[in-house]
Amino acid sequence: MSRDDVERLVRIEAKLDDLLIRQTEDRTDHGTDVRQLQGEIETTEQRVGSLENWRYAIVAALLMSAGGTVAAAVNVAPK
């Protein structure tokens, strides 16, 4: 093996090491991104659940209010 071959192999090895380091960093970054997204999804699901509960509560309150109005109108109307 000549000196040029050895130097070329050393450069190739260095490039492969750099690529491996970058790939490991990319995987770590990807894992962090996925965990952050999962946290945001959970928060969004909680908010949606809370909004759905409010929607039902508002409808129930409107129905109760309408029922009270109808009952008052029936009581006020002459018989």
N, C-alpha and C. Protein backbone atom coordinates (compact mmCIF):
# COMPACT_ATOMS: atom_id res chain seq x y z
N MET A 1 0.83 -1.17 0.00
CA MET A 1 0.00 0.00 0.00
C MET A 1 0.88 1.24 0.00
N SER A 2 0.48 2.17 -0.81
CA SER A 2 1.27 3.40 -0.88
C SER A 2 0.78 4.41 0.15
N ARG A 3 1.58 5.43 0.32
CA ARG A 3 1.24 6.48 1.28
C ARG A 3 -0.07 7.16 0.87
N ASP A 4 -0.26 7.38 -0.42
CA ASP A 4 -1.49 8.01 -0.93
C ASP A 4 -2.72 7.16 -0.58
N ASP A 5 -2.59 5.86 -0.71
CA ASP A 5 -3.71 4.96 -0.37
C ASP A 5 -4.06 5.07 1.12
N VAL A 6 -3.05 5.11 1.94
CA VAL A 6 -3.28 5.20 3.38
C VAL A 6 -3.94 6.54 3.73
N GLU A 7 -3.44 7.62 3.12
CA GLU A 7 -4.04 8.94 3.37
C GLU A 7 -5.49 8.98 2.91
N ARG A 8 -5.77 8.37 1.76
CA ARG A 8 -7.14 8.32 1.25
C ARG A 8 -8.04 7.54 2.21
N LEU A 9 -7.54 6.42 2.71
CA LEU A 9 -8.32 5.63 3.67
C LEU A 9 -8.57 6.40 4.96
N VAL A 10 -7.58 7.15 5.41
CA VAL A 10 -7.74 7.95 6.63
C VAL A 10 -8.80 9.03 6.40
N ARG A 11 -8.79 9.67 5.22
CA ARG A 11 -9.80 10.69 4.91
C ARG A 11 -11.20 10.06 4.84
N ILE A 12 -11.28 8.88 4.24
CA ILE A 12 -12.57 8.19 4.16
C ILE A 12 -13.08 7.85 5.56
N GLU A 13 -12.19 7.38 6.40
CA GLU A 13 -12.58 7.04 7.77
C GLU A 13 -13.05 8.28 8.52
N ALA A 14 -12.37 9.38 8.34
CA ALA A 14 -12.76 10.63 9.00
C ALA A 14 -14.13 11.08 8.53
N LYS A 15 -14.38 10.97 7.22
CA LYS A 15 -15.69 11.34 6.68
C LYS A 15 -16.78 10.44 7.24
N LEU A 16 -16.49 9.15 7.32
CA LEU A 16 -17.47 8.21 7.88
C LEU A 16 -17.75 8.52 9.35
N ASP A 17 -16.71 8.86 10.10
CA ASP A 17 -16.90 9.25 11.51
C ASP A 17 -17.78 10.48 11.61
N ASP A 18 -17.52 11.49 10.78
CA ASP A 18 -18.34 12.71 10.78
C ASP A 18 -19.79 12.40 10.45
N LEU A 19 -19.99 11.55 9.44
CA LEU A 19 -21.36 11.18 9.06
C LEU A 19 -22.07 10.44 10.19
N LEU A 20 -21.36 9.57 10.86
CA LEU A 20 -21.95 8.84 11.98
C LEU A 20 -22.33 9.78 13.12
N ILE A 21 -21.46 10.74 13.41
CA ILE A 21 -21.75 11.72 14.46
C ILE A 21 -22.98 12.54 14.08
N ARG A 22 -23.03 13.01 12.82
CA ARG A 22 -24.19 13.80 12.38
C ARG A 22 -25.47 12.99 12.43
N GLN A 23 -25.38 11.73 12.02
CA GLN A 23 -26.57 10.88 12.04
C GLN A 23 -27.07 10.68 13.48
N THR A 24 -26.16 10.49 14.40
CA THR A 24 -26.53 10.34 15.81
C THR A 24 -27.17 11.62 16.33
N GLU A 25 -26.61 12.77 15.97
CA GLU A 25 -27.19 14.05 16.39
C GLU A 25 -28.58 14.24 15.78
N ASP A 26 -28.73 13.87 14.50
CA ASP A 26 -30.03 13.99 13.83
C ASP A 26 -31.07 13.12 14.52
N ARG A 27 -30.68 11.91 14.90
CA ARG A 27 -31.62 11.03 15.59
C ARG A 27 -32.01 11.60 16.94
N THR A 28 -31.05 12.17 17.64
CA THR A 28 -31.33 12.78 18.94
C THR A 28 -32.28 13.96 18.76
N ASP A 29 -31.99 14.81 17.77
CA ASP A 29 -32.87 15.95 17.49
C ASP A 29 -34.26 15.49 17.10
N HIS A 30 -34.33 14.45 16.30
CA HIS A 30 -35.63 13.91 15.87
C HIS A 30 -36.41 13.39 17.08
N GLY A 31 -35.72 12.68 17.96
CA GLY A 31 -36.37 12.16 19.16
C GLY A 31 -36.91 13.29 20.03
N THR A 32 -36.12 14.35 20.16
CA THR A 32 -36.57 15.51 20.93
C THR A 32 -37.79 16.15 20.28
N ASP A 33 -37.74 16.30 18.96
CA ASP A 33 -38.88 16.89 18.23
C ASP A 33 -40.14 16.06 18.41
N VAL A 34 -40.00 14.75 18.33
CA VAL A 34 -41.16 13.85 18.48
C VAL A 34 -41.75 13.98 19.89
N ARG A 35 -40.90 14.03 20.90
CA ARG A 35 -41.40 14.18 22.27
C ARG A 35 -42.11 15.52 22.46
N GLN A 36 -41.58 16.59 21.87
CA GLN A 36 -42.23 17.89 21.97
C GLN A 36 -43.59 17.86 21.27
N LEU A 37 -43.65 17.25 20.10
CA LEU A 37 -44.92 17.15 19.38
C LEU A 37 -45.94 16.32 20.16
N GLN A 38 -45.50 15.24 20.78
CA GLN A 38 -46.41 14.43 21.58
C GLN A 38 -46.97 15.24 22.75
N GLY A 39 -46.12 16.04 23.37
CA GLY A 39 -46.59 16.90 24.45
C GLY A 39 -47.61 17.92 23.95
N GLU A 40 -47.36 18.51 22.79
CA GLU A 40 -48.30 19.47 22.22
C GLU A 40 -49.62 18.79 21.84
N ILE A 41 -49.55 17.58 21.33
CA ILE A 41 -50.76 16.84 20.97
C ILE A 41 -51.59 16.56 22.22
N GLU A 42 -50.94 16.13 23.29
CA GLU A 42 -51.66 15.87 24.55
C GLU A 42 -52.33 17.13 25.08
N THR A 43 -51.61 18.25 25.02
CA THR A 43 -52.17 19.52 25.48
C THR A 43 -53.37 19.91 24.63
N THR A 44 -53.24 19.74 23.33
CA THR A 44 -54.34 20.08 22.42
C THR A 44 -55.55 19.18 22.67
N GLU A 45 -55.31 17.90 22.91
CA GLU A 45 -56.42 16.98 23.20
C GLU A 45 -57.12 17.38 24.49
N GLN A 46 -56.37 17.81 25.49
CA GLN A 46 -56.98 18.26 26.74
C GLN A 46 -57.83 19.51 26.51
N ARG A 47 -57.31 20.43 25.71
CA ARG A 47 -58.06 21.65 25.42
C ARG A 47 -59.34 21.34 24.66
N VAL A 48 -59.24 20.45 23.68
CA VAL A 48 -60.43 20.07 22.91
C VAL A 48 -61.46 19.43 23.81
N GLY A 49 -61.02 18.56 24.69
CA GLY A 49 -61.93 17.92 25.64
C GLY A 49 -62.61 18.95 26.53
N SER A 50 -61.84 19.92 26.98
CA SER A 50 -62.40 20.98 27.81
C SER A 50 -63.41 21.81 27.03
N LEU A 51 -63.10 22.13 25.78
CA LEU A 51 -64.03 22.90 24.95
C LEU A 51 -65.32 22.12 24.69
N GLU A 52 -65.18 20.80 24.48
CA GLU A 52 -66.37 19.98 24.26
C GLU A 52 -67.25 19.97 25.52
N ASN A 53 -66.62 19.90 26.68
CA ASN A 53 -67.39 19.94 27.93
C ASN A 53 -68.12 21.27 28.07
N TRP A 54 -67.46 22.37 27.72
CA TRP A 54 -68.11 23.67 27.78
C TRP A 54 -69.27 23.76 26.81
N ARG A 55 -69.09 23.18 25.63
CA ARG A 55 -70.16 23.22 24.63
C ARG A 55 -71.41 22.54 25.18
N TYR A 56 -71.24 21.38 25.79
CA TYR A 56 -72.39 20.68 26.36
C TYR A 56 -73.00 21.46 27.53
N ALA A 57 -72.15 22.07 28.33
CA ALA A 57 -72.63 22.85 29.47
C ALA A 57 -73.43 24.06 28.99
N ILE A 58 -72.96 24.71 27.94
CA ILE A 58 -73.67 25.87 27.41
C ILE A 58 -75.02 25.46 26.84
N VAL A 59 -75.06 24.37 26.09
CA VAL A 59 -76.33 23.88 25.53
C VAL A 59 -77.30 23.53 26.65
N ALA A 60 -76.80 22.86 27.69
CA ALA A 60 -77.66 22.50 28.83
C ALA A 60 -78.19 23.76 29.52
N ALA A 61 -77.33 24.76 29.68
CA ALA A 61 -77.76 26.00 30.32
C ALA A 61 -78.81 26.71 29.47
N LEU A 62 -78.62 26.71 28.16
CA LEU A 62 -79.61 27.34 27.27
C LEU A 62 -80.95 26.62 27.33
N LEU A 63 -80.89 25.29 27.35
CA LEU A 63 -82.14 24.52 27.43
C LEU A 63 -82.84 24.77 28.76
N MET A 64 -82.08 24.84 29.85
CA MET A 64 -82.68 25.10 31.16
C MET A 64 -83.28 26.51 31.19
N SER A 65 -82.58 27.46 30.60
CA SER A 65 -83.08 28.83 30.55
C SER A 65 -84.35 28.91 29.71
N ALA A 66 -84.34 28.21 28.58
CA ALA A 66 -85.53 28.20 27.73
C ALA A 66 -86.69 27.53 28.46
N GLY A 67 -86.39 26.47 29.17
CA GLY A 67 -87.43 25.78 29.94
C GLY A 67 -88.01 26.70 31.01
N GLY A 68 -87.15 27.46 31.68
CA GLY A 68 -87.60 28.40 32.69
C GLY A 68 -88.46 29.50 32.08
N THR A 69 -88.07 29.96 30.91
CA THR A 69 -88.84 31.00 30.21
C THR A 69 -90.22 30.48 29.82
N VAL A 70 -90.25 29.27 29.30
CA VAL A 70 -91.54 28.67 28.91
C VAL A 70 -92.42 28.48 30.15
N ALA A 71 -91.84 27.99 31.24
CA ALA A 71 -92.62 27.80 32.47
C ALA A 71 -93.17 29.12 32.98
N ALA A 72 -92.37 30.18 32.93
CA ALA A 72 -92.82 31.49 33.37
C ALA A 72 -93.95 32.01 32.47
N ALA A 73 -93.81 31.78 31.19
CA ALA A 73 -94.84 32.23 30.25
C ALA A 73 -96.13 31.48 30.47
N VAL A 74 -96.04 30.20 30.76
CA VAL A 74 -97.25 29.39 31.01
C VAL A 74 -97.94 29.87 32.28
N ASN A 75 -97.13 30.20 33.29
CA ASN A 75 -97.72 30.65 34.57
C ASN A 75 -98.34 32.04 34.45
N VAL A 76 -97.80 32.87 33.58
CA VAL A 76 -98.29 34.24 33.42
C VAL A 76 -99.52 34.28 32.53
N ALA A 77 -99.59 33.38 31.57
CA ALA A 77 -100.69 33.40 30.61
C ALA A 77 -102.01 33.10 31.33
N PRO A 78 -103.04 33.85 30.97
CA PRO A 78 -104.34 33.59 31.59
C PRO A 78 -104.88 32.24 31.17
N LYS A 79 -105.60 31.64 32.08
CA LYS A 79 -106.14 30.31 31.79
C LYS A 79 -107.61 30.36 31.58
